[in-house]
Structures are given as structure tokens and as C-alpha cells.
Amino acid sequence: MKTRDRILQTSLLLFNHEGEAPQTAVDISNALEISPGNLYYHFKGKDAIILALFGAFEDEMRVILRGSKGGVTSIEDNWVYLYIILEEVYDFRFFYRDLGVLLDRYPDLAVRFRALVAEKRRTITRVLHDLAESDVLQLDPRLKTALTDQIMMSITFWLANDSIGNEVHDGPSLIHKTVFQVMCLIVPYMGEAGFDALSRMIEHYEGTLA
């Protein structure tokens, strides 16, 4: 693996497991067992590493968001699609755990992050529209914005919410819990099929906790 890639990989591990704020460029170089000068040759400090990591996350997330066009036409599709989104977020979870503070410290990152959030919102809106067109949802147009807001809050702040709770969840459990919570927001708009769908989700959710 190239030194640049090793720096990014190790930085991501440190930021995800120990938090971004306490880490310095020296900490990263020590973890890699390279000199700070060698790290600086590839990245001019921690800020540059964070921007490079966000670039990788941004690219991968845009592929996921744009790949949903016409592909989510059932409640099962929506379940799987939410998993894909949250798994990608979890891989870069340090961005979300203390989001407000991070964006205040990195104004350039804040602009790009807001643009990505806006694309995520457009995708959620489109998915809800596609599900309604497929007669999976019966959604009053007047409620679409409120439902989109609820879903956006759930998939944006799920990691921050978990970090202040009393329970400790591993990645798969937390992702599953969050997908279940988002699906519970959608089920009431599924008409008579909603109860059966909710029952299947509860069985699946409880099965993962057994």
C-alpha cells in the first residue's frame, strides 16, 4: 500500500475509534511509525487529511445516492437502500459524531457537507415519490416535507444520539436499529399493508437482538 493511502487508512481508524479532535499529525505519524516529515510530504497537516477523507466519503456517497434512481420500488428495496446509506456513513462516522463542532472548525468542509446533505434530501424525496408511484405509500403531498425532515434527522444524527445514550451498540446493531426506526416512520403511510410490514420488521429486528 502506498504511504499516502496508509496515512488515510490509519487516520480514519484513529478518528473513528478515538475521535478526531484529540489526534495530531504527530499522533498519526507515530501510529504509522513514520516521521512527521514523511507525513507532511504527503499531507500538509491534519486538515488536509480530513479534507481528503471527506473527498473519499463524498465520492462514495454520491454514487450511492445517484444509484437509487428508479431502483427503490418496494418496501424491501427501501430497507436495503437505507442499510447501504448507513453502512457508508458508519465507515466515516467521525464526521457525524460531533458534527456541529467539526463543521465550525473546518468552514471549507461545511460547504461541501451541506451540499452533500442537500443531495441526500433530494434522494429521500425522490425515493418517497417512487414508492408512492408504485402504490407502496399513500402519502398526502402536504406531509411529504415533514416526513422527509424526520428521515433526514434520523439518518444524520443517529451516531450523535447513540453517543450520548446509556447503551453501547456495535456497528451492525446500531445500523439495524436506525434502519428499523426510519422504517417505522414510513409504515403508517403504507395503508393496510403497513401492519404486516411492521410485524415482519419487528420480527427481524428482535431476531438480531436475540
C-alpha atoms as a PDB file:
ATOM      1  CA  MET A   1       0.000   0.000   0.000  1.00  0.00           C
ATOM      2  CA  LYS A   2       1.290   3.467  -0.862  1.00  0.00           C
ATOM      3  CA  THR A   3       2.273   5.713   2.023  1.00  0.00           C
ATOM      4  CA  ARG A   4      -0.474   8.216   1.142  1.00  0.00           C
ATOM      5  CA  ASP A   5      -3.127   5.504   1.320  1.00  0.00           C
ATOM      6  CA  ARG A   6      -1.702   4.175   4.585  1.00  0.00           C
ATOM      7  CA  ILE A   7      -1.899   7.657   6.086  1.00  0.00           C
ATOM      8  CA  LEU A   8      -5.565   7.967   5.120  1.00  0.00           C
ATOM      9  CA  GLN A   9      -6.436   4.489   6.319  1.00  0.00           C
ATOM     10  CA  THR A  10      -4.704   4.897   9.680  1.00  0.00           C
ATOM     11  CA  SER A  11      -6.128   8.390  10.202  1.00  0.00           C
ATOM     12  CA  LEU A  12      -9.643   7.104   9.541  1.00  0.00           C
ATOM     13  CA  LEU A  13      -9.185   4.322  12.085  1.00  0.00           C
ATOM     14  CA  LEU A  14      -7.871   6.749  14.714  1.00  0.00           C
ATOM     15  CA  PHE A  15     -10.592   9.329  14.091  1.00  0.00           C
ATOM     16  CA  ASN A  16     -13.377   6.726  14.152  1.00  0.00           C
ATOM     17  CA  HIS A  17     -12.186   4.946  17.298  1.00  0.00           C
ATOM     18  CA  GLU A  18     -10.700   7.750  19.383  1.00  0.00           C
ATOM     19  CA  GLY A  19     -12.260  10.902  17.934  1.00  0.00           C
ATOM     20  CA  GLU A  20     -10.796  13.415  15.524  1.00  0.00           C
ATOM     21  CA  ALA A  21     -10.165  16.340  17.894  1.00  0.00           C
ATOM     22  CA  PRO A  22      -7.519  14.708  20.150  1.00  0.00           C
ATOM     23  CA  GLN A  23      -5.422  13.478  17.227  1.00  0.00           C
ATOM     24  CA  THR A  24      -2.484  15.452  15.853  1.00  0.00           C
ATOM     25  CA  ALA A  25      -0.337  14.913  12.796  1.00  0.00           C
ATOM     26  CA  VAL A  26       2.377  13.618  15.137  1.00  0.00           C
ATOM     27  CA  ASP A  27      -0.051  11.069  16.624  1.00  0.00           C
ATOM     28  CA  ILE A  28      -0.858   9.848  13.127  1.00  0.00           C
ATOM     29  CA  SER A  29       2.806   9.606  12.117  1.00  0.00           C
ATOM     30  CA  ASN A  30       3.590   7.725  15.345  1.00  0.00           C
ATOM     31  CA  ALA A  31       0.786   5.249  14.671  1.00  0.00           C
ATOM     32  CA  LEU A  32       2.238   4.685  11.218  1.00  0.00           C
ATOM     33  CA  GLU A  33       5.809   4.560  12.518  1.00  0.00           C
ATOM     34  CA  ILE A  34       6.914   7.181  10.017  1.00  0.00           C
ATOM     35  CA  SER A  35       8.471  10.595  10.590  1.00  0.00           C
ATOM     36  CA  PRO A  36       6.271  13.712  10.765  1.00  0.00           C
ATOM     37  CA  GLY A  37       8.274  14.996   7.792  1.00  0.00           C
ATOM     38  CA  ASN A  38       7.281  11.963   5.733  1.00  0.00           C
ATOM     39  CA  LEU A  39       3.627  12.541   6.581  1.00  0.00           C
ATOM     40  CA  TYR A  40       3.961  16.247   5.776  1.00  0.00           C
ATOM     41  CA  TYR A  41       5.378  15.362   2.358  1.00  0.00           C
ATOM     42  CA  HIS A  42       2.021  13.758   1.509  1.00  0.00           C
ATOM     43  CA  PHE A  43      -0.351  15.949   3.547  1.00  0.00           C
ATOM     44  CA  LYS A  44       0.306  19.443   4.872  1.00  0.00           C
ATOM     45  CA  GLY A  45      -1.146  18.672   8.283  1.00  0.00           C
ATOM     46  CA  LYS A  46      -4.272  17.076   9.751  1.00  0.00           C
ATOM     47  CA  ASP A  47      -6.636  19.487   7.963  1.00  0.00           C
ATOM     48  CA  ALA A  48      -5.505  18.178   4.594  1.00  0.00           C
ATOM     49  CA  ILE A  49      -6.042  14.591   5.745  1.00  0.00           C
ATOM     50  CA  ILE A  50      -9.578  15.363   6.891  1.00  0.00           C
ATOM     51  CA  LEU A  51     -10.430  17.014   3.578  1.00  0.00           C
ATOM     52  CA  ALA A  52      -9.020  14.029   1.677  1.00  0.00           C
ATOM     53  CA  LEU A  53     -11.057  11.613   3.787  1.00  0.00           C
ATOM     54  CA  PHE A  54     -14.193  13.648   3.206  1.00  0.00           C
ATOM     55  CA  GLY A  55     -13.453  13.625  -0.518  1.00  0.00           C
ATOM     56  CA  ALA A  56     -13.432   9.813  -0.467  1.00  0.00           C
ATOM     57  CA  PHE A  57     -16.646   9.708   1.570  1.00  0.00           C
ATOM     58  CA  GLU A  58     -18.273  12.318  -0.664  1.00  0.00           C
ATOM     59  CA  ASP A  59     -17.444  10.397  -3.851  1.00  0.00           C
ATOM     60  CA  GLU A  60     -18.737   7.085  -2.494  1.00  0.00           C
ATOM     61  CA  MET A  61     -21.899   8.615  -1.059  1.00  0.00           C
ATOM     62  CA  ARG A  62     -22.777  10.401  -4.288  1.00  0.00           C
ATOM     63  CA  VAL A  63     -22.500   7.104  -6.176  1.00  0.00           C
ATOM     64  CA  ILE A  64     -24.911   5.536  -3.670  1.00  0.00           C
ATOM     65  CA  LEU A  65     -27.364   8.446  -3.771  1.00  0.00           C
ATOM     66  CA  ARG A  66     -27.438   8.714  -7.545  1.00  0.00           C
ATOM     67  CA  GLY A  67     -27.712   4.958  -7.945  1.00  0.00           C
ATOM     68  CA  SER A  68     -31.155   4.940  -6.351  1.00  0.00           C
ATOM     69  CA  LYS A  69     -32.910   6.454  -9.386  1.00  0.00           C
ATOM     70  CA  GLY A  70     -35.718   4.104 -10.323  1.00  0.00           C
ATOM     71  CA  GLY A  71     -34.281   1.351  -8.159  1.00  0.00           C
ATOM     72  CA  VAL A  72     -36.374   1.670  -4.990  1.00  0.00           C
ATOM     73  CA  THR A  73     -39.890   0.489  -5.806  1.00  0.00           C
ATOM     74  CA  SER A  74     -40.770  -1.726  -2.844  1.00  0.00           C
ATOM     75  CA  ILE A  75     -40.569  -1.592   0.918  1.00  0.00           C
ATOM     76  CA  GLU A  76     -37.853  -4.269   0.795  1.00  0.00           C
ATOM     77  CA  ASP A  77     -35.836  -2.140  -1.645  1.00  0.00           C
ATOM     78  CA  ASN A  78     -36.129   0.777   0.735  1.00  0.00           C
ATOM     79  CA  TRP A  79     -34.967  -1.319   3.691  1.00  0.00           C
ATOM     80  CA  VAL A  80     -31.849  -2.485   1.814  1.00  0.00           C
ATOM     81  CA  TYR A  81     -31.137   1.001   0.475  1.00  0.00           C
ATOM     82  CA  LEU A  82     -31.184   2.508   3.967  1.00  0.00           C
ATOM     83  CA  TYR A  83     -28.696  -0.141   5.067  1.00  0.00           C
ATOM     84  CA  ILE A  84     -26.352   0.805   2.241  1.00  0.00           C
ATOM     85  CA  ILE A  85     -26.505   4.513   3.150  1.00  0.00           C
ATOM     86  CA  LEU A  86     -25.931   3.951   6.866  1.00  0.00           C
ATOM     87  CA  GLU A  87     -23.119   1.467   6.338  1.00  0.00           C
ATOM     88  CA  GLU A  88     -21.288   4.065   4.251  1.00  0.00           C
ATOM     89  CA  VAL A  89     -21.829   6.723   6.916  1.00  0.00           C
ATOM     90  CA  TYR A  90     -20.613   4.348   9.617  1.00  0.00           C
ATOM     91  CA  ASP A  91     -17.366   3.775   7.725  1.00  0.00           C
ATOM     92  CA  PHE A  92     -16.680   7.535   8.100  1.00  0.00           C
ATOM     93  CA  ARG A  93     -18.557   8.004  11.368  1.00  0.00           C
ATOM     94  CA  PHE A  94     -16.204  10.546  12.950  1.00  0.00           C
ATOM     95  CA  PHE A  95     -17.689  13.197  10.652  1.00  0.00           C
ATOM     96  CA  TYR A  96     -21.110  12.728  12.243  1.00  0.00           C
ATOM     97  CA  ARG A  97     -20.432  12.152  15.923  1.00  0.00           C
ATOM     98  CA  ASP A  98     -19.681  15.797  16.740  1.00  0.00           C
ATOM     99  CA  LEU A  99     -20.933  17.330  13.546  1.00  0.00           C
ATOM    100  CA  GLY A 100     -21.549  20.924  14.627  1.00  0.00           C
ATOM    101  CA  VAL A 101     -18.129  21.347  16.223  1.00  0.00           C
ATOM    102  CA  LEU A 102     -16.354  19.739  13.273  1.00  0.00           C
ATOM    103  CA  LEU A 103     -18.054  21.969  10.713  1.00  0.00           C
ATOM    104  CA  ASP A 104     -17.308  25.080  12.784  1.00  0.00           C
ATOM    105  CA  ARG A 105     -13.607  24.215  12.776  1.00  0.00           C
ATOM    106  CA  TYR A 106     -13.480  23.442   9.055  1.00  0.00           C
ATOM    107  CA  PRO A 107     -15.550  26.020   7.106  1.00  0.00           C
ATOM    108  CA  ASP A 108     -14.485  24.620   3.720  1.00  0.00           C
ATOM    109  CA  LEU A 109     -15.706  21.214   4.806  1.00  0.00           C
ATOM    110  CA  ALA A 110     -19.009  22.714   5.993  1.00  0.00           C
ATOM    111  CA  VAL A 111     -19.844  23.973   2.489  1.00  0.00           C
ATOM    112  CA  ARG A 112     -19.236  20.561   0.944  1.00  0.00           C
ATOM    113  CA  PHE A 113     -21.038  18.743   3.732  1.00  0.00           C
ATOM    114  CA  ARG A 114     -24.153  20.896   3.318  1.00  0.00           C
ATOM    115  CA  ALA A 115     -24.116  20.237  -0.420  1.00  0.00           C
ATOM    116  CA  LEU A 116     -23.981  16.500   0.253  1.00  0.00           C
ATOM    117  CA  VAL A 117     -26.833  16.763   2.755  1.00  0.00           C
ATOM    118  CA  ALA A 118     -28.873  18.640   0.144  1.00  0.00           C
ATOM    119  CA  GLU A 119     -28.304  15.826  -2.342  1.00  0.00           C
ATOM    120  CA  LYS A 120     -29.269  13.302   0.315  1.00  0.00           C
ATOM    121  CA  ARG A 121     -32.518  15.213   0.863  1.00  0.00           C
ATOM    122  CA  ARG A 122     -33.274  15.207  -2.858  1.00  0.00           C
ATOM    123  CA  THR A 123     -32.678  11.476  -2.932  1.00  0.00           C
ATOM    124  CA  ILE A 124     -35.028  10.815   0.001  1.00  0.00           C
ATOM    125  CA  THR A 125     -37.682  12.965  -1.657  1.00  0.00           C
ATOM    126  CA  ARG A 126     -37.282  11.050  -4.901  1.00  0.00           C
ATOM    127  CA  VAL A 127     -37.451   7.673  -3.154  1.00  0.00           C
ATOM    128  CA  LEU A 128     -40.666   8.646  -1.378  1.00  0.00           C
ATOM    129  CA  HIS A 129     -42.076   9.783  -4.733  1.00  0.00           C
ATOM    130  CA  ASP A 130     -41.079   6.492  -6.396  1.00  0.00           C
ATOM    131  CA  LEU A 131     -42.672   4.465  -3.593  1.00  0.00           C
ATOM    132  CA  ALA A 132     -45.865   6.497  -3.935  1.00  0.00           C
ATOM    133  CA  GLU A 133     -45.844   5.999  -7.711  1.00  0.00           C
ATOM    134  CA  SER A 134     -45.510   2.245  -7.116  1.00  0.00           C
ATOM    135  CA  ASP A 135     -48.534   2.395  -4.751  1.00  0.00           C
ATOM    136  CA  VAL A 136     -46.372   1.302  -1.832  1.00  0.00           C
ATOM    137  CA  LEU A 137     -47.093   4.553   0.010  1.00  0.00           C
ATOM    138  CA  GLN A 138     -50.250   6.641   0.260  1.00  0.00           C
ATOM    139  CA  LEU A 139     -48.656   9.927   1.189  1.00  0.00           C
ATOM    140  CA  ASP A 140     -50.547  13.200   1.358  1.00  0.00           C
ATOM    141  CA  PRO A 141     -48.351  15.735  -0.519  1.00  0.00           C
ATOM    142  CA  ARG A 142     -48.764  18.129   2.400  1.00  0.00           C
ATOM    143  CA  LEU A 143     -46.927  15.658   4.671  1.00  0.00           C
ATOM    144  CA  LYS A 144     -44.052  14.835   2.336  1.00  0.00           C
ATOM    145  CA  THR A 145     -41.763  17.610   3.576  1.00  0.00           C
ATOM    146  CA  ALA A 146     -42.343  16.751   7.238  1.00  0.00           C
ATOM    147  CA  LEU A 147     -41.662  13.053   6.611  1.00  0.00           C
ATOM    148  CA  THR A 148     -38.519  13.896   4.659  1.00  0.00           C
ATOM    149  CA  ASP A 149     -37.353  16.103   7.557  1.00  0.00           C
ATOM    150  CA  GLN A 150     -37.892  13.260  10.038  1.00  0.00           C
ATOM    151  CA  ILE A 151     -35.979  10.786   7.912  1.00  0.00           C
ATOM    152  CA  MET A 152     -33.148  13.257   7.353  1.00  0.00           C
ATOM    153  CA  MET A 153     -32.793  13.886  11.089  1.00  0.00           C
ATOM    154  CA  SER A 154     -32.706  10.156  11.761  1.00  0.00           C
ATOM    155  CA  ILE A 155     -30.004   9.359   9.190  1.00  0.00           C
ATOM    156  CA  THR A 156     -27.919  12.453  10.009  1.00  0.00           C
ATOM    157  CA  PHE A 157     -27.868  12.463  13.820  1.00  0.00           C
ATOM    158  CA  TRP A 158     -28.158   8.741  14.636  1.00  0.00           C
ATOM    159  CA  LEU A 159     -24.498   8.453  15.625  1.00  0.00           C
ATOM    160  CA  ALA A 160     -24.522  11.574  17.793  1.00  0.00           C
ATOM    161  CA  ASN A 161     -27.690  10.372  19.505  1.00  0.00           C
ATOM    162  CA  ASP A 162     -26.165   6.980  20.223  1.00  0.00           C
ATOM    163  CA  SER A 163     -23.020   8.519  21.683  1.00  0.00           C
ATOM    164  CA  ILE A 164     -24.995  10.279  24.449  1.00  0.00           C
ATOM    165  CA  GLY A 165     -27.117   7.264  25.344  1.00  0.00           C
ATOM    166  CA  ASN A 166     -26.594   4.758  28.131  1.00  0.00           C
ATOM    167  CA  GLU A 167     -26.431   1.704  25.867  1.00  0.00           C
ATOM    168  CA  VAL A 168     -23.404   0.706  23.846  1.00  0.00           C
ATOM    169  CA  HIS A 169     -24.104  -0.595  20.336  1.00  0.00           C
ATOM    170  CA  ASP A 170     -21.703  -2.183  17.910  1.00  0.00           C
ATOM    171  CA  GLY A 171     -21.844  -1.031  14.303  1.00  0.00           C
ATOM    172  CA  PRO A 172     -24.228  -3.660  12.867  1.00  0.00           C
ATOM    173  CA  SER A 173     -26.638  -3.398  15.814  1.00  0.00           C
ATOM    174  CA  LEU A 174     -26.748   0.381  15.636  1.00  0.00           C
ATOM    175  CA  ILE A 175     -27.269   0.377  11.868  1.00  0.00           C
ATOM    176  CA  HIS A 176     -30.080  -2.151  12.182  1.00  0.00           C
ATOM    177  CA  LYS A 177     -31.716  -0.184  14.993  1.00  0.00           C
ATOM    178  CA  THR A 178     -31.614   3.022  12.945  1.00  0.00           C
ATOM    179  CA  VAL A 179     -32.976   1.367   9.794  1.00  0.00           C
ATOM    180  CA  PHE A 180     -35.847  -0.028  11.882  1.00  0.00           C
ATOM    181  CA  GLN A 181     -36.584   3.423  13.324  1.00  0.00           C
ATOM    182  CA  VAL A 182     -36.663   5.034   9.868  1.00  0.00           C
ATOM    183  CA  MET A 183     -38.894   2.289   8.501  1.00  0.00           C
ATOM    184  CA  CYS A 184     -41.297   2.884  11.397  1.00  0.00           C
ATOM    185  CA  LEU A 185     -41.668   6.461  10.134  1.00  0.00           C
ATOM    186  CA  ILE A 186     -42.730   5.152   6.721  1.00  0.00           C
ATOM    187  CA  VAL A 187     -45.032   2.285   7.718  1.00  0.00           C
ATOM    188  CA  PRO A 188     -48.012   4.478   8.743  1.00  0.00           C
ATOM    189  CA  TYR A 189     -48.266   5.628   5.123  1.00  0.00           C
ATOM    190  CA  MET A 190     -48.493   2.089   3.747  1.00  0.00           C
ATOM    191  CA  GLY A 191     -52.201   1.599   4.321  1.00  0.00           C
ATOM    192  CA  GLU A 192     -53.396  -1.913   5.171  1.00  0.00           C
ATOM    193  CA  ALA A 193     -50.063  -3.418   4.112  1.00  0.00           C
ATOM    194  CA  GLY A 194     -48.311  -1.368   6.792  1.00  0.00           C
ATOM    195  CA  PHE A 195     -49.264  -3.603   9.714  1.00  0.00           C
ATOM    196  CA  ASP A 196     -47.896  -6.733   8.035  1.00  0.00           C
ATOM    197  CA  ALA A 197     -44.733  -4.893   7.028  1.00  0.00           C
ATOM    198  CA  LEU A 198     -44.262  -3.608  10.580  1.00  0.00           C
ATOM    199  CA  SER A 199     -44.780  -7.097  12.005  1.00  0.00           C
ATOM    200  CA  ARG A 200     -42.109  -8.514   9.687  1.00  0.00           C
ATOM    201  CA  MET A 201     -39.706  -5.723  10.632  1.00  0.00           C
ATOM    202  CA  ILE A 202     -40.292  -6.255  14.365  1.00  0.00           C
ATOM    203  CA  GLU A 203     -39.644  -9.982  13.990  1.00  0.00           C
ATOM    204  CA  HIS A 204     -36.476  -9.284  12.031  1.00  0.00           C
ATOM    205  CA  TYR A 205     -35.348  -6.562  14.446  1.00  0.00           C
ATOM    206  CA  GLU A 206     -35.942  -8.711  17.549  1.00  0.00           C
ATOM    207  CA  GLY A 207     -34.218 -11.633  15.850  1.00  0.00           C
ATOM    208  CA  THR A 208     -30.996  -9.627  15.525  1.00  0.00           C
ATOM    209  CA  LEU A 209     -31.086  -8.822  19.249  1.00  0.00           C
ATOM    210  CA  ALA A 210     -31.652 -12.411  20.360  1.00  0.00           C
END
